[in-house]
Amino acid sequence: MTEQSVGFNYHEKVINSYCNRAYQIAKSKGWHEEKRETGTLLALIHSEVSEALEADRKGDLENFKEELADIVIRVFDLCGSRNIDLGKVIEEKMLKNEGREYKHGGKKY
């Protein structure tokens, strides 16, 4: 089955399933006993990005990959806790990005 024949609706459901799963796991481990500020959840995502950077700086590919997974899991948890339809938002954003001009108008990075 090719990705085109599957369609994005399938991928959207998978992404949203991971959001729900990440949230349920975190909740079952006590991380959502009290409402957490969005800023706190974003800071936790940022901490995982910093850990990935440090692993890359050390040339530790295995840890780098694990930290990338942690970043995504934290994003999934945030979306699951806020009932954000991340699959839909990703599809909409990717379509928007496809329509942008080369390097978004001359940006260097």
N, C-alpha and C. Protein backbone atom coordinates (compact mmCIF):
# COMPACT_ATOMS: atom_id res chain seq x y z
N MET A 1 0.85 -1.17 0.00
CA MET A 1 0.00 0.00 0.00
C MET A 1 0.90 1.24 0.00
N THR A 2 0.70 2.10 -0.97
CA THR A 2 1.51 3.31 -1.04
C THR A 2 0.93 4.38 -0.14
N GLU A 3 1.76 5.38 0.14
CA GLU A 3 1.29 6.46 1.01
C GLU A 3 0.14 7.21 0.34
N GLN A 4 0.20 7.35 -0.98
CA GLN A 4 -0.88 8.05 -1.67
C GLN A 4 -2.19 7.28 -1.57
N SER A 5 -2.13 5.95 -1.66
CA SER A 5 -3.37 5.18 -1.60
C SER A 5 -3.96 5.16 -0.19
N VAL A 6 -3.12 5.38 0.82
CA VAL A 6 -3.60 5.41 2.20
C VAL A 6 -4.35 6.71 2.45
N GLY A 7 -3.83 7.81 1.97
CA GLY A 7 -4.46 9.10 2.18
C GLY A 7 -4.10 9.68 3.53
N PHE A 8 -4.19 10.99 3.63
CA PHE A 8 -3.77 11.62 4.87
C PHE A 8 -4.73 11.35 6.01
N ASN A 9 -5.98 11.09 5.71
CA ASN A 9 -6.94 10.83 6.78
C ASN A 9 -6.44 9.70 7.69
N TYR A 10 -5.85 8.67 7.11
CA TYR A 10 -5.28 7.57 7.90
C TYR A 10 -4.17 8.10 8.80
N HIS A 11 -3.25 8.88 8.24
CA HIS A 11 -2.12 9.41 9.01
C HIS A 11 -2.60 10.36 10.09
N GLU A 12 -3.62 11.14 9.79
CA GLU A 12 -4.20 12.05 10.77
C GLU A 12 -4.71 11.26 11.98
N LYS A 13 -5.37 10.16 11.72
CA LYS A 13 -5.90 9.33 12.80
C LYS A 13 -4.77 8.72 13.62
N VAL A 14 -3.69 8.30 12.95
CA VAL A 14 -2.54 7.73 13.66
C VAL A 14 -1.90 8.78 14.55
N ILE A 15 -1.71 9.97 14.01
CA ILE A 15 -1.10 11.05 14.80
C ILE A 15 -1.96 11.35 16.02
N ASN A 16 -3.26 11.48 15.82
CA ASN A 16 -4.15 11.79 16.94
C ASN A 16 -4.21 10.64 17.94
N SER A 17 -4.05 9.42 17.46
CA SER A 17 -4.00 8.27 18.36
C SER A 17 -2.75 8.34 19.25
N TYR A 18 -1.62 8.74 18.67
CA TYR A 18 -0.41 8.92 19.47
C TYR A 18 -0.58 10.05 20.48
N CYS A 19 -1.27 11.12 20.10
CA CYS A 19 -1.53 12.21 21.04
C CYS A 19 -2.31 11.70 22.24
N ASN A 20 -3.35 10.97 21.96
CA ASN A 20 -4.17 10.42 23.05
C ASN A 20 -3.36 9.44 23.90
N ARG A 21 -2.59 8.59 23.25
CA ARG A 21 -1.79 7.60 23.98
C ARG A 21 -0.75 8.27 24.87
N ALA A 22 -0.03 9.26 24.32
CA ALA A 22 0.99 9.96 25.11
C ALA A 22 0.36 10.63 26.32
N TYR A 23 -0.79 11.26 26.10
CA TYR A 23 -1.48 11.92 27.21
C TYR A 23 -1.94 10.91 28.26
N GLN A 24 -2.52 9.79 27.81
CA GLN A 24 -3.01 8.79 28.75
C GLN A 24 -1.87 8.17 29.56
N ILE A 25 -0.73 7.94 28.92
CA ILE A 25 0.42 7.40 29.65
C ILE A 25 0.90 8.40 30.69
N ALA A 26 1.06 9.67 30.27
CA ALA A 26 1.52 10.70 31.22
C ALA A 26 0.53 10.85 32.37
N LYS A 27 -0.74 10.83 32.04
CA LYS A 27 -1.79 10.96 33.07
C LYS A 27 -1.72 9.78 34.04
N SER A 28 -1.52 8.57 33.52
CA SER A 28 -1.47 7.39 34.39
C SER A 28 -0.25 7.39 35.29
N LYS A 29 0.77 8.16 34.93
CA LYS A 29 1.98 8.26 35.74
C LYS A 29 1.96 9.46 36.68
N GLY A 30 0.80 10.14 36.72
CA GLY A 30 0.63 11.22 37.67
C GLY A 30 0.99 12.61 37.18
N TRP A 31 1.29 12.75 35.90
CA TRP A 31 1.74 14.04 35.39
C TRP A 31 0.61 15.01 35.06
N HIS A 32 -0.63 14.58 35.21
CA HIS A 32 -1.76 15.48 34.93
C HIS A 32 -2.77 15.46 36.06
N GLU A 33 -2.29 15.25 37.27
CA GLU A 33 -3.21 15.27 38.42
C GLU A 33 -3.77 16.67 38.63
N GLU A 34 -2.97 17.67 38.31
CA GLU A 34 -3.41 19.06 38.36
C GLU A 34 -3.22 19.64 36.97
N LYS A 35 -4.06 20.63 36.63
CA LYS A 35 -3.93 21.29 35.33
C LYS A 35 -2.55 21.93 35.23
N ARG A 36 -1.88 21.68 34.12
CA ARG A 36 -0.55 22.24 33.91
C ARG A 36 -0.64 23.39 32.91
N GLU A 37 0.06 24.45 33.21
CA GLU A 37 0.08 25.60 32.30
C GLU A 37 0.70 25.20 30.98
N THR A 38 0.20 25.80 29.91
CA THR A 38 0.77 25.54 28.59
C THR A 38 2.24 25.92 28.56
N GLY A 39 2.59 27.01 29.23
CA GLY A 39 4.00 27.42 29.27
C GLY A 39 4.90 26.36 29.88
N THR A 40 4.40 25.69 30.91
CA THR A 40 5.17 24.62 31.54
C THR A 40 5.38 23.46 30.56
N LEU A 41 4.33 23.10 29.85
CA LEU A 41 4.44 22.00 28.89
C LEU A 41 5.38 22.37 27.74
N LEU A 42 5.32 23.62 27.31
CA LEU A 42 6.25 24.08 26.26
C LEU A 42 7.69 24.09 26.77
N ALA A 43 7.89 24.47 28.02
CA ALA A 43 9.24 24.45 28.60
C ALA A 43 9.79 23.02 28.65
N LEU A 44 8.92 22.06 28.93
CA LEU A 44 9.35 20.66 28.95
C LEU A 44 9.74 20.20 27.55
N ILE A 45 9.00 20.65 26.54
CA ILE A 45 9.38 20.34 25.15
C ILE A 45 10.75 20.95 24.86
N HIS A 46 10.91 22.19 25.27
CA HIS A 46 12.19 22.89 25.06
C HIS A 46 13.34 22.15 25.74
N SER A 47 13.09 21.61 26.93
CA SER A 47 14.16 20.89 27.63
C SER A 47 14.59 19.65 26.84
N GLU A 48 13.63 19.01 26.18
CA GLU A 48 13.97 17.84 25.35
C GLU A 48 14.77 18.27 24.11
N VAL A 49 14.43 19.44 23.55
CA VAL A 49 15.19 19.96 22.41
C VAL A 49 16.63 20.23 22.85
N SER A 50 16.81 20.80 24.03
CA SER A 50 18.15 21.07 24.55
C SER A 50 18.93 19.78 24.76
N GLU A 51 18.25 18.75 25.25
CA GLU A 51 18.91 17.46 25.44
C GLU A 51 19.30 16.85 24.10
N ALA A 52 18.48 17.02 23.08
CA ALA A 52 18.83 16.52 21.74
C ALA A 52 20.04 17.27 21.20
N LEU A 53 20.07 18.57 21.40
CA LEU A 53 21.22 19.37 20.97
C LEU A 53 22.49 18.89 21.64
N GLU A 54 22.43 18.67 22.93
CA GLU A 54 23.60 18.21 23.66
C GLU A 54 24.07 16.82 23.19
N ALA A 55 23.12 15.94 22.94
CA ALA A 55 23.49 14.60 22.44
C ALA A 55 24.15 14.72 21.07
N ASP A 56 23.65 15.61 20.23
CA ASP A 56 24.25 15.81 18.90
C ASP A 56 25.65 16.39 19.04
N ARG A 57 25.81 17.34 19.94
CA ARG A 57 27.13 17.95 20.15
C ARG A 57 28.16 16.92 20.60
N LYS A 58 27.69 15.91 21.35
CA LYS A 58 28.58 14.86 21.83
C LYS A 58 28.75 13.73 20.82
N GLY A 59 28.02 13.80 19.71
CA GLY A 59 28.09 12.75 18.70
C GLY A 59 27.41 11.46 19.13
N ASP A 60 26.48 11.56 20.07
CA ASP A 60 25.78 10.39 20.60
C ASP A 60 24.48 10.19 19.81
N LEU A 61 24.57 9.48 18.70
CA LEU A 61 23.43 9.33 17.79
C LEU A 61 22.26 8.61 18.45
N GLU A 62 22.52 7.60 19.23
CA GLU A 62 21.43 6.85 19.86
C GLU A 62 20.64 7.74 20.83
N ASN A 63 21.36 8.49 21.65
CA ASN A 63 20.68 9.39 22.58
C ASN A 63 19.98 10.52 21.82
N PHE A 64 20.60 11.00 20.76
CA PHE A 64 19.99 12.04 19.93
C PHE A 64 18.64 11.58 19.40
N LYS A 65 18.59 10.36 18.87
CA LYS A 65 17.33 9.83 18.35
C LYS A 65 16.28 9.69 19.46
N GLU A 66 16.72 9.24 20.61
CA GLU A 66 15.80 9.09 21.74
C GLU A 66 15.24 10.45 22.18
N GLU A 67 16.08 11.46 22.19
CA GLU A 67 15.62 12.80 22.57
C GLU A 67 14.66 13.37 21.53
N LEU A 68 14.87 13.07 20.25
CA LEU A 68 13.91 13.49 19.22
C LEU A 68 12.54 12.85 19.49
N ALA A 69 12.57 11.57 19.86
CA ALA A 69 11.32 10.90 20.21
C ALA A 69 10.67 11.57 21.42
N ASP A 70 11.48 11.94 22.41
CA ASP A 70 10.94 12.63 23.59
C ASP A 70 10.27 13.95 23.22
N ILE A 71 10.86 14.67 22.27
CA ILE A 71 10.27 15.93 21.81
C ILE A 71 8.87 15.68 21.26
N VAL A 72 8.77 14.70 20.38
CA VAL A 72 7.49 14.41 19.74
C VAL A 72 6.48 13.92 20.77
N ILE A 73 6.92 13.07 21.69
CA ILE A 73 6.02 12.56 22.73
C ILE A 73 5.50 13.70 23.59
N ARG A 74 6.36 14.65 23.94
CA ARG A 74 5.91 15.80 24.72
C ARG A 74 4.89 16.64 23.94
N VAL A 75 5.12 16.81 22.64
CA VAL A 75 4.16 17.54 21.80
C VAL A 75 2.84 16.77 21.76
N PHE A 76 2.92 15.47 21.57
CA PHE A 76 1.71 14.65 21.57
C PHE A 76 0.95 14.78 22.89
N ASP A 77 1.68 14.74 24.01
CA ASP A 77 1.05 14.86 25.32
C ASP A 77 0.34 16.20 25.45
N LEU A 78 1.00 17.27 25.05
CA LEU A 78 0.38 18.59 25.10
C LEU A 78 -0.90 18.63 24.28
N CYS A 79 -0.82 18.11 23.06
CA CYS A 79 -2.01 18.11 22.19
C CYS A 79 -3.11 17.23 22.75
N GLY A 80 -2.75 16.09 23.31
CA GLY A 80 -3.74 15.21 23.91
C GLY A 80 -4.41 15.86 25.11
N SER A 81 -3.64 16.58 25.90
CA SER A 81 -4.20 17.21 27.09
C SER A 81 -5.09 18.40 26.76
N ARG A 82 -4.90 18.97 25.57
CA ARG A 82 -5.68 20.15 25.17
C ARG A 82 -6.70 19.82 24.06
N ASN A 83 -6.84 18.53 23.75
CA ASN A 83 -7.75 18.11 22.68
C ASN A 83 -7.49 18.82 21.36
N ILE A 84 -6.22 18.96 21.03
CA ILE A 84 -5.82 19.58 19.76
C ILE A 84 -5.76 18.50 18.70
N ASP A 85 -6.43 18.72 17.58
CA ASP A 85 -6.43 17.78 16.46
C ASP A 85 -5.14 18.00 15.67
N LEU A 86 -4.04 17.47 16.21
CA LEU A 86 -2.72 17.71 15.63
C LEU A 86 -2.61 17.18 14.21
N GLY A 87 -3.22 16.03 13.93
CA GLY A 87 -3.18 15.48 12.58
C GLY A 87 -3.73 16.46 11.56
N LYS A 88 -4.85 17.05 11.87
CA LYS A 88 -5.48 18.02 10.96
C LYS A 88 -4.62 19.28 10.84
N VAL A 89 -4.10 19.75 11.96
CA VAL A 89 -3.29 20.96 11.94
C VAL A 89 -2.02 20.75 11.13
N ILE A 90 -1.40 19.58 11.25
CA ILE A 90 -0.19 19.27 10.47
C ILE A 90 -0.52 19.27 8.98
N GLU A 91 -1.60 18.62 8.60
CA GLU A 91 -1.97 18.58 7.19
C GLU A 91 -2.21 19.99 6.65
N GLU A 92 -2.94 20.80 7.39
CA GLU A 92 -3.20 22.17 6.96
C GLU A 92 -1.92 22.98 6.83
N LYS A 93 -1.00 22.81 7.77
CA LYS A 93 0.26 23.55 7.74
C LYS A 93 1.15 23.08 6.60
N MET A 94 1.17 21.78 6.33
CA MET A 94 1.99 21.28 5.23
C MET A 94 1.46 21.79 3.89
N LEU A 95 0.15 21.84 3.74
CA LEU A 95 -0.43 22.39 2.52
C LEU A 95 -0.06 23.87 2.37
N LYS A 96 -0.09 24.60 3.48
CA LYS A 96 0.30 26.01 3.46
C LYS A 96 1.77 26.15 3.06
N ASN A 97 2.63 25.31 3.64
CA ASN A 97 4.06 25.36 3.32
C ASN A 97 4.33 25.04 1.86
N GLU A 98 3.57 24.10 1.30
CA GLU A 98 3.74 23.75 -0.12
C GLU A 98 3.49 24.96 -1.02
N GLY A 99 2.59 25.85 -0.61
CA GLY A 99 2.25 27.01 -1.41
C GLY A 99 3.19 28.20 -1.23
N ARG A 100 4.12 28.09 -0.32
CA ARG A 100 5.04 29.21 -0.08
C ARG A 100 6.09 29.30 -1.17
N GLU A 101 6.62 30.51 -1.34
CA GLU A 101 7.67 30.69 -2.33
C GLU A 101 8.99 30.13 -1.80
N TYR A 102 9.94 29.97 -2.69
CA TYR A 102 11.25 29.42 -2.36
C TYR A 102 11.89 30.22 -1.22
N LYS A 103 12.31 29.54 -0.19
CA LYS A 103 12.94 30.11 1.00
C LYS A 103 12.10 31.23 1.60
N HIS A 104 10.79 31.17 1.40
CA HIS A 104 9.83 32.11 2.00
C HIS A 104 10.24 33.57 1.81
N GLY A 105 10.65 33.90 0.59
CA GLY A 105 10.94 35.30 0.31
C GLY A 105 12.35 35.73 0.62
N GLY A 106 13.31 34.82 0.56
CA GLY A 106 14.71 35.18 0.72
C GLY A 106 15.27 35.06 2.11
N LYS A 107 14.55 34.39 3.02
CA LYS A 107 15.08 34.20 4.36
C LYS A 107 16.35 33.36 4.30
N LYS A 108 17.30 33.66 5.16
CA LYS A 108 18.56 32.91 5.18
C LYS A 108 18.44 31.59 5.89
N TYR A 109 17.55 31.49 6.89
CA TYR A 109 17.32 30.25 7.61
C TYR A 109 15.99 30.30 8.30
